[in-house]
Amino acid sequence: MRKILSYPLTIIYYLLFGLTLVIFHPIQWFCFNVFGYQAHKKSVDFLQFFLMRCHNVLGTRFNFNNPHTIDVNQPLIIIANHQSTFDIPPIMWYMRKHHCKFISKKELGKGIPSVSYNLRHGGSVLIDRKDPRQAITAIKDFSAYIESNNRAAVIFPEGTRSKNGAPRKFQTRGLLTLFKEIPSAIVVPISINDSWKTEQYGKFPMGIGTHIKFTVHKPLKIANFADKDKLVDSIESTIKNHINH
């Protein structure tokens, strides 16, 4: 019965989701080209808010537990496990005062209303996974932007989404590059639980009644760790120890 109910709700969800992306695309363009970065940033924030509201149609609830006070006047590196494409809007919305930017594959830079535009113009970086040299150069430039503007770099070091919630081994190269290039950053680990259930049947129908939970762990200063490999291991353990699977 639950799966049967998910079919009509998924249709409504996709209609609202697509409409939201289409509506916010010209809004983003106007804000960016007429008023500049700050206005564009606000439009992207509200895009995330409405994308989350679209998910409410499926009975999805979001819980974002962040007991820490994090200074906005410093660069951040937000590190999280990755369970679905819907991990991103809550992180962007609840951490919006830190100006979240993403390391994304270049394929996402075109063809998706609102999303592609923001990736190209909002301060994120697009990398070619088949070209390591391009990727490292792009990440270094991205790191300089994060460092100089006190933004937040968001990275999912598993590299791909977990389809059943079970965590994957972290890929460390990108993390170590960020640590090296943004030495003044604070690392903010986040554990994400149960977002995979939104896609437990695939893209259609969507899972319904999912309670997605985000847990923000104690921020860590990169400068306090001489051994960056140990820092990566510590972050990976912290995140994975709080994943239910």
C-alpha atoms as a PDB file:
ATOM      1  CA  MET A   1       0.000   0.000   0.000  1.00  0.00           C
ATOM      2  CA  ARG A   2       2.843   2.376   0.865  1.00  0.00           C
ATOM      3  CA  LYS A   3       4.499   1.878  -2.519  1.00  0.00           C
ATOM      4  CA  ILE A   4       1.179   2.214  -4.359  1.00  0.00           C
ATOM      5  CA  LEU A   5       0.553   5.543  -2.626  1.00  0.00           C
ATOM      6  CA  SER A   6       4.016   6.709  -3.624  1.00  0.00           C
ATOM      7  CA  TYR A   7       3.158   6.673  -7.356  1.00  0.00           C
ATOM      8  CA  PRO A   8       0.699   9.605  -7.433  1.00  0.00           C
ATOM      9  CA  LEU A   9       2.714  11.497  -4.811  1.00  0.00           C
ATOM     10  CA  THR A  10       5.875  11.084  -6.883  1.00  0.00           C
ATOM     11  CA  ILE A  11       4.133  12.524  -9.942  1.00  0.00           C
ATOM     12  CA  ILE A  12       3.055  15.568  -7.924  1.00  0.00           C
ATOM     13  CA  TYR A  13       6.544  15.860  -6.457  1.00  0.00           C
ATOM     14  CA  TYR A  14       8.295  15.829  -9.830  1.00  0.00           C
ATOM     15  CA  LEU A  15       5.892  18.417 -11.224  1.00  0.00           C
ATOM     16  CA  LEU A  16       6.576  20.750  -8.290  1.00  0.00           C
ATOM     17  CA  PHE A  17      10.306  20.008  -8.320  1.00  0.00           C
ATOM     18  CA  GLY A  18      10.641  20.729 -12.026  1.00  0.00           C
ATOM     19  CA  LEU A  19       8.495  23.850 -11.774  1.00  0.00           C
ATOM     20  CA  THR A  20      10.642  25.146  -8.912  1.00  0.00           C
ATOM     21  CA  LEU A  21      13.844  24.705 -10.931  1.00  0.00           C
ATOM     22  CA  VAL A  22      12.328  26.391 -13.985  1.00  0.00           C
ATOM     23  CA  ILE A  23      10.965  29.351 -11.989  1.00  0.00           C
ATOM     24  CA  PHE A  24      14.216  29.983 -10.113  1.00  0.00           C
ATOM     25  CA  HIS A  25      16.429  29.814 -13.194  1.00  0.00           C
ATOM     26  CA  PRO A  26      15.477  33.293 -14.518  1.00  0.00           C
ATOM     27  CA  ILE A  27      15.335  34.597 -10.951  1.00  0.00           C
ATOM     28  CA  GLN A  28      18.954  33.520 -10.484  1.00  0.00           C
ATOM     29  CA  TRP A  29      19.956  35.040 -13.808  1.00  0.00           C
ATOM     30  CA  PHE A  30      18.309  38.353 -12.957  1.00  0.00           C
ATOM     31  CA  CYS A  31      19.775  38.502  -9.452  1.00  0.00           C
ATOM     32  CA  PHE A  32      23.278  37.639 -10.640  1.00  0.00           C
ATOM     33  CA  ASN A  33      23.401  39.924 -13.656  1.00  0.00           C
ATOM     34  CA  VAL A  34      21.563  42.903 -12.186  1.00  0.00           C
ATOM     35  CA  PHE A  35      22.398  42.892  -8.475  1.00  0.00           C
ATOM     36  CA  GLY A  36      25.480  40.675  -8.192  1.00  0.00           C
ATOM     37  CA  TYR A  37      26.677  37.914  -5.916  1.00  0.00           C
ATOM     38  CA  GLN A  38      24.763  38.641  -2.718  1.00  0.00           C
ATOM     39  CA  ALA A  39      21.380  38.796  -4.443  1.00  0.00           C
ATOM     40  CA  HIS A  40      22.184  35.662  -6.407  1.00  0.00           C
ATOM     41  CA  LYS A  41      23.176  33.940  -3.152  1.00  0.00           C
ATOM     42  CA  LYS A  42      19.795  34.818  -1.617  1.00  0.00           C
ATOM     43  CA  SER A  43      17.950  33.426  -4.625  1.00  0.00           C
ATOM     44  CA  VAL A  44      19.898  30.172  -4.343  1.00  0.00           C
ATOM     45  CA  ASP A  45      19.117  29.961  -0.621  1.00  0.00           C
ATOM     46  CA  PHE A  46      15.396  30.236  -1.261  1.00  0.00           C
ATOM     47  CA  LEU A  47      15.662  27.726  -4.080  1.00  0.00           C
ATOM     48  CA  GLN A  48      16.923  25.191  -1.525  1.00  0.00           C
ATOM     49  CA  PHE A  49      14.091  26.062   0.844  1.00  0.00           C
ATOM     50  CA  PHE A  50      11.442  25.429  -1.813  1.00  0.00           C
ATOM     51  CA  LEU A  51      13.137  22.238  -3.028  1.00  0.00           C
ATOM     52  CA  MET A  52      12.838  20.933   0.531  1.00  0.00           C
ATOM     53  CA  ARG A  53       9.173  21.927   0.592  1.00  0.00           C
ATOM     54  CA  CYS A  54       8.662  19.889  -2.577  1.00  0.00           C
ATOM     55  CA  HIS A  55       9.898  16.891  -0.634  1.00  0.00           C
ATOM     56  CA  ASN A  56       7.298  17.492   2.036  1.00  0.00           C
ATOM     57  CA  VAL A  57       4.734  16.330  -0.547  1.00  0.00           C
ATOM     58  CA  LEU A  58       6.315  12.872  -0.181  1.00  0.00           C
ATOM     59  CA  GLY A  59       6.039  13.078   3.584  1.00  0.00           C
ATOM     60  CA  THR A  60       9.768  13.711   3.881  1.00  0.00           C
ATOM     61  CA  ARG A  61      10.944  15.355   7.098  1.00  0.00           C
ATOM     62  CA  PHE A  62      14.297  16.979   7.737  1.00  0.00           C
ATOM     63  CA  ASN A  63      16.140  17.162  11.048  1.00  0.00           C
ATOM     64  CA  PHE A  64      19.382  19.148  11.099  1.00  0.00           C
ATOM     65  CA  ASN A  65      21.152  18.909  14.458  1.00  0.00           C
ATOM     66  CA  ASN A  66      23.933  21.460  14.804  1.00  0.00           C
ATOM     67  CA  PRO A  67      24.765  22.236  18.447  1.00  0.00           C
ATOM     68  CA  HIS A  68      27.956  24.094  17.515  1.00  0.00           C
ATOM     69  CA  THR A  69      28.541  27.811  17.066  1.00  0.00           C
ATOM     70  CA  ILE A  70      30.654  28.200  13.946  1.00  0.00           C
ATOM     71  CA  ASP A  71      32.229  31.552  13.110  1.00  0.00           C
ATOM     72  CA  VAL A  72      31.211  32.833   9.674  1.00  0.00           C
ATOM     73  CA  ASN A  73      34.439  34.821   9.286  1.00  0.00           C
ATOM     74  CA  GLN A  74      36.593  31.833   8.415  1.00  0.00           C
ATOM     75  CA  PRO A  75      36.763  29.275   5.617  1.00  0.00           C
ATOM     76  CA  LEU A  76      35.104  25.905   6.195  1.00  0.00           C
ATOM     77  CA  ILE A  77      35.461  22.455   4.688  1.00  0.00           C
ATOM     78  CA  ILE A  78      32.196  20.579   5.180  1.00  0.00           C
ATOM     79  CA  ILE A  79      32.676  16.819   4.832  1.00  0.00           C
ATOM     80  CA  ALA A  80      29.711  14.437   4.704  1.00  0.00           C
ATOM     81  CA  ASN A  81      28.719  10.960   3.630  1.00  0.00           C
ATOM     82  CA  HIS A  82      26.528  10.815   0.541  1.00  0.00           C
ATOM     83  CA  GLN A  83      23.263   8.884   0.252  1.00  0.00           C
ATOM     84  CA  SER A  84      21.157  10.711  -2.324  1.00  0.00           C
ATOM     85  CA  THR A  85      20.968  13.791  -4.516  1.00  0.00           C
ATOM     86  CA  PHE A  86      18.688  15.246  -1.840  1.00  0.00           C
ATOM     87  CA  ASP A  87      21.537  15.560   0.665  1.00  0.00           C
ATOM     88  CA  ILE A  88      22.451  18.889  -0.900  1.00  0.00           C
ATOM     89  CA  PRO A  89      19.482  21.280  -0.382  1.00  0.00           C
ATOM     90  CA  PRO A  90      19.324  20.825   3.426  1.00  0.00           C
ATOM     91  CA  ILE A  91      23.068  21.399   3.789  1.00  0.00           C
ATOM     92  CA  MET A  92      22.845  24.524   1.640  1.00  0.00           C
ATOM     93  CA  TRP A  93      19.799  25.811   3.509  1.00  0.00           C
ATOM     94  CA  TYR A  94      20.802  25.109   7.104  1.00  0.00           C
ATOM     95  CA  MET A  95      24.431  26.158   6.539  1.00  0.00           C
ATOM     96  CA  ARG A  96      23.519  29.053   4.271  1.00  0.00           C
ATOM     97  CA  LYS A  97      25.268  31.725   6.336  1.00  0.00           C
ATOM     98  CA  HIS A  98      28.556  30.009   5.456  1.00  0.00           C
ATOM     99  CA  HIS A  99      28.026  30.248   1.669  1.00  0.00           C
ATOM    100  CA  CYS A 100      28.296  26.577   0.706  1.00  0.00           C
ATOM    101  CA  LYS A 101      30.127  25.773  -2.540  1.00  0.00           C
ATOM    102  CA  PHE A 102      30.544  22.365  -4.140  1.00  0.00           C
ATOM    103  CA  ILE A 103      33.070  20.283  -6.003  1.00  0.00           C
ATOM    104  CA  SER A 104      30.923  18.749  -8.756  1.00  0.00           C
ATOM    105  CA  LYS A 105      31.470  16.736 -11.890  1.00  0.00           C
ATOM    106  CA  LYS A 106      31.506  18.830 -15.041  1.00  0.00           C
ATOM    107  CA  GLU A 107      28.455  17.054 -16.481  1.00  0.00           C
ATOM    108  CA  LEU A 108      26.263  18.858 -13.938  1.00  0.00           C
ATOM    109  CA  GLY A 109      27.344  22.226 -15.317  1.00  0.00           C
ATOM    110  CA  LYS A 110      24.855  22.138 -18.161  1.00  0.00           C
ATOM    111  CA  GLY A 111      21.324  21.010 -18.904  1.00  0.00           C
ATOM    112  CA  ILE A 112      19.746  21.298 -15.437  1.00  0.00           C
ATOM    113  CA  PRO A 113      17.679  24.459 -14.857  1.00  0.00           C
ATOM    114  CA  SER A 114      18.814  26.459 -11.809  1.00  0.00           C
ATOM    115  CA  VAL A 115      21.295  23.797 -10.665  1.00  0.00           C
ATOM    116  CA  SER A 116      23.704  24.126 -13.599  1.00  0.00           C
ATOM    117  CA  TYR A 117      23.508  27.916 -13.520  1.00  0.00           C
ATOM    118  CA  ASN A 118      24.387  28.042  -9.831  1.00  0.00           C
ATOM    119  CA  LEU A 119      27.285  25.623 -10.259  1.00  0.00           C
ATOM    120  CA  ARG A 120      28.714  27.755 -13.055  1.00  0.00           C
ATOM    121  CA  HIS A 121      28.180  31.181 -11.494  1.00  0.00           C
ATOM    122  CA  GLY A 122      27.797  30.700  -7.735  1.00  0.00           C
ATOM    123  CA  GLY A 123      31.391  29.898  -6.797  1.00  0.00           C
ATOM    124  CA  SER A 124      31.398  26.103  -7.045  1.00  0.00           C
ATOM    125  CA  VAL A 125      33.879  24.175  -9.191  1.00  0.00           C
ATOM    126  CA  LEU A 126      33.283  21.678 -11.992  1.00  0.00           C
ATOM    127  CA  ILE A 127      35.880  18.962 -12.454  1.00  0.00           C
ATOM    128  CA  ASP A 128      36.549  16.343 -15.080  1.00  0.00           C
ATOM    129  CA  ARG A 129      36.891  13.038 -13.258  1.00  0.00           C
ATOM    130  CA  LYS A 130      38.642  11.576 -16.300  1.00  0.00           C
ATOM    131  CA  ASP A 131      41.312  14.290 -16.228  1.00  0.00           C
ATOM    132  CA  PRO A 132      43.106  14.255 -12.832  1.00  0.00           C
ATOM    133  CA  ARG A 133      45.399  17.128 -13.798  1.00  0.00           C
ATOM    134  CA  GLN A 134      42.447  19.394 -14.626  1.00  0.00           C
ATOM    135  CA  ALA A 135      40.683  18.313 -11.454  1.00  0.00           C
ATOM    136  CA  ILE A 136      43.603  19.111  -9.171  1.00  0.00           C
ATOM    137  CA  THR A 137      44.217  22.496 -10.845  1.00  0.00           C
ATOM    138  CA  ALA A 138      40.520  23.359 -10.563  1.00  0.00           C
ATOM    139  CA  ILE A 139      40.415  22.327  -6.901  1.00  0.00           C
ATOM    140  CA  LYS A 140      43.471  24.497  -6.160  1.00  0.00           C
ATOM    141  CA  ASP A 141      41.791  27.528  -7.753  1.00  0.00           C
ATOM    142  CA  PHE A 142      38.586  26.693  -5.900  1.00  0.00           C
ATOM    143  CA  SER A 143      40.526  26.442  -2.630  1.00  0.00           C
ATOM    144  CA  ALA A 144      42.026  29.890  -3.141  1.00  0.00           C
ATOM    145  CA  TYR A 145      38.513  31.283  -3.625  1.00  0.00           C
ATOM    146  CA  ILE A 146      37.261  29.578  -0.444  1.00  0.00           C
ATOM    147  CA  GLU A 147      40.269  30.786   1.546  1.00  0.00           C
ATOM    148  CA  SER A 148      40.126  34.406   0.428  1.00  0.00           C
ATOM    149  CA  ASN A 149      36.358  34.811   0.711  1.00  0.00           C
ATOM    150  CA  ASN A 150      35.642  32.745   3.865  1.00  0.00           C
ATOM    151  CA  ARG A 151      33.289  30.383   2.069  1.00  0.00           C
ATOM    152  CA  ALA A 152      32.448  26.757   2.823  1.00  0.00           C
ATOM    153  CA  ALA A 153      33.690  24.000   0.535  1.00  0.00           C
ATOM    154  CA  VAL A 154      31.370  20.988   0.650  1.00  0.00           C
ATOM    155  CA  ILE A 155      32.776  17.621  -0.346  1.00  0.00           C
ATOM    156  CA  PHE A 156      31.395  14.079  -0.348  1.00  0.00           C
ATOM    157  CA  PRO A 157      34.602  12.016  -0.218  1.00  0.00           C
ATOM    158  CA  GLU A 158      32.889   8.690  -0.882  1.00  0.00           C
ATOM    159  CA  GLY A 159      32.824   9.790  -4.508  1.00  0.00           C
ATOM    160  CA  THR A 160      29.429   8.269  -5.267  1.00  0.00           C
ATOM    161  CA  ARG A 161      26.137   7.837  -3.444  1.00  0.00           C
ATOM    162  CA  SER A 162      25.393   4.881  -1.212  1.00  0.00           C
ATOM    163  CA  LYS A 163      22.244   3.141  -2.435  1.00  0.00           C
ATOM    164  CA  ASN A 164      21.472   1.434   0.876  1.00  0.00           C
ATOM    165  CA  GLY A 165      22.980   3.789   3.446  1.00  0.00           C
ATOM    166  CA  ALA A 166      26.102   1.703   4.024  1.00  0.00           C
ATOM    167  CA  PRO A 167      29.121   4.045   4.027  1.00  0.00           C
ATOM    168  CA  ARG A 168      31.836   3.683   1.408  1.00  0.00           C
ATOM    169  CA  LYS A 169      35.563   4.140   1.834  1.00  0.00           C
ATOM    170  CA  PHE A 170      36.615   7.785   1.671  1.00  0.00           C
ATOM    171  CA  GLN A 171      38.732   8.863  -1.283  1.00  0.00           C
ATOM    172  CA  THR A 172      41.424  10.968   0.338  1.00  0.00           C
ATOM    173  CA  ARG A 173      43.148  12.783  -2.532  1.00  0.00           C
ATOM    174  CA  GLY A 174      40.628  15.599  -2.817  1.00  0.00           C
ATOM    175  CA  LEU A 175      40.456  16.025   0.954  1.00  0.00           C
ATOM    176  CA  LEU A 176      44.215  16.249   1.348  1.00  0.00           C
ATOM    177  CA  THR A 177      44.379  18.789  -1.469  1.00  0.00           C
ATOM    178  CA  LEU A 178      41.787  20.960   0.270  1.00  0.00           C
ATOM    179  CA  PHE A 179      43.610  20.643   3.602  1.00  0.00           C
ATOM    180  CA  LYS A 180      46.854  21.727   1.963  1.00  0.00           C
ATOM    181  CA  GLU A 181      45.366  24.590  -0.015  1.00  0.00           C
ATOM    182  CA  ILE A 182      43.062  25.954   2.728  1.00  0.00           C
ATOM    183  CA  PRO A 183      45.264  25.633   5.844  1.00  0.00           C
ATOM    184  CA  SER A 184      43.249  28.133   7.874  1.00  0.00           C
ATOM    185  CA  ALA A 185      39.970  26.237   7.387  1.00  0.00           C
ATOM    186  CA  ILE A 186      37.772  24.619   9.988  1.00  0.00           C
ATOM    187  CA  VAL A 187      36.597  21.113   9.096  1.00  0.00           C
ATOM    188  CA  VAL A 188      32.927  20.420   9.825  1.00  0.00           C
ATOM    189  CA  PRO A 189      32.012  16.701   9.633  1.00  0.00           C
ATOM    190  CA  ILE A 190      28.350  15.823   9.004  1.00  0.00           C
ATOM    191  CA  SER A 191      26.669  12.423   9.192  1.00  0.00           C
ATOM    192  CA  ILE A 192      23.613  11.940   6.974  1.00  0.00           C
ATOM    193  CA  ASN A 193      21.088   9.238   7.759  1.00  0.00           C
ATOM    194  CA  ASP A 194      18.234   7.738   5.746  1.00  0.00           C
ATOM    195  CA  SER A 195      18.215  10.037   2.717  1.00  0.00           C
ATOM    196  CA  TRP A 196      18.847   6.911   0.607  1.00  0.00           C
ATOM    197  CA  LYS A 197      15.293   5.825   1.425  1.00  0.00           C
ATOM    198  CA  THR A 198      13.945   8.571  -0.833  1.00  0.00           C
ATOM    199  CA  GLU A 199      15.335   6.556  -3.761  1.00  0.00           C
ATOM    200  CA  GLN A 200      14.899   3.051  -2.380  1.00  0.00           C
ATOM    201  CA  TYR A 201      12.707   2.093  -5.383  1.00  0.00           C
ATOM    202  CA  GLY A 202      14.823   4.106  -7.819  1.00  0.00           C
ATOM    203  CA  LYS A 203      13.829   7.442  -9.334  1.00  0.00           C
ATOM    204  CA  PHE A 204      10.205   6.357  -9.745  1.00  0.00           C
ATOM    205  CA  PRO A 205       8.384   5.993  -7.535  1.00  0.00           C
ATOM    206  CA  MET A 206      10.113   7.906  -4.761  1.00  0.00           C
ATOM    207  CA  GLY A 207      10.142   6.647  -1.212  1.00  0.00           C
ATOM    208  CA  ILE A 208       7.593   8.330   1.053  1.00  0.00           C
ATOM    209  CA  GLY A 209       7.551   9.197   4.744  1.00  0.00           C
ATOM    210  CA  THR A 210      11.334   9.428   5.031  1.00  0.00           C
ATOM    211  CA  HIS A 211      12.883  11.168   8.032  1.00  0.00           C
ATOM    212  CA  ILE A 212      16.282  12.459   6.886  1.00  0.00           C
ATOM    213  CA  LYS A 213      18.638  13.305   9.722  1.00  0.00           C
ATOM    214  CA  PHE A 214      21.795  15.419   9.616  1.00  0.00           C
ATOM    215  CA  THR A 215      24.213  15.444  12.552  1.00  0.00           C
ATOM    216  CA  VAL A 216      26.902  18.109  12.670  1.00  0.00           C
ATOM    217  CA  HIS A 217      29.966  16.997  14.623  1.00  0.00           C
ATOM    218  CA  LYS A 218      32.567  19.018  16.485  1.00  0.00           C
ATOM    219  CA  PRO A 219      34.446  21.365  14.131  1.00  0.00           C
ATOM    220  CA  LEU A 220      38.184  20.736  13.839  1.00  0.00           C
ATOM    221  CA  LYS A 221      40.972  23.192  13.008  1.00  0.00           C
ATOM    222  CA  ILE A 222      43.230  21.864  10.276  1.00  0.00           C
ATOM    223  CA  ALA A 223      46.168  23.770  11.769  1.00  0.00           C
ATOM    224  CA  ASN A 224      45.927  21.658  14.939  1.00  0.00           C
ATOM    225  CA  PHE A 225      46.780  18.452  13.045  1.00  0.00           C
ATOM    226  CA  ALA A 226      50.325  17.928  11.811  1.00  0.00           C
ATOM    227  CA  ASP A 227      49.428  14.546  10.316  1.00  0.00           C
ATOM    228  CA  LYS A 228      46.666  15.206   7.781  1.00  0.00           C
ATOM    229  CA  ASP A 229      46.174  11.498   7.069  1.00  0.00           C
ATOM    230  CA  LYS A 230      45.255  10.972  10.714  1.00  0.00           C
ATOM    231  CA  LEU A 231      42.861  13.900  10.464  1.00  0.00           C
ATOM    232  CA  VAL A 232      41.137  12.230   7.498  1.00  0.00           C
ATOM    233  CA  ASP A 233      40.915   8.937   9.409  1.00  0.00           C
ATOM    234  CA  SER A 234      39.430  10.705  12.432  1.00  0.00           C
ATOM    235  CA  ILE A 235      36.822  12.509  10.337  1.00  0.00           C
ATOM    236  CA  GLU A 236      35.892   9.329   8.474  1.00  0.00           C
ATOM    237  CA  SER A 237      35.471   7.407  11.733  1.00  0.00           C
ATOM    238  CA  THR A 238      33.372  10.160  13.313  1.00  0.00           C
ATOM    239  CA  ILE A 239      31.027  10.386  10.343  1.00  0.00           C
ATOM    240  CA  LYS A 240      30.648   6.644   9.870  1.00  0.00           C
ATOM    241  CA  ASN A 241      30.156   5.898  13.571  1.00  0.00           C
ATOM    242  CA  HIS A 242      26.975   7.967  13.437  1.00  0.00           C
ATOM    243  CA  ILE A 243      25.468   6.364  10.335  1.00  0.00           C
ATOM    244  CA  ASN A 244      22.680   3.868  10.876  1.00  0.00           C
ATOM    245  CA  HIS A 245      22.959   0.986   8.423  1.00  0.00           C
END
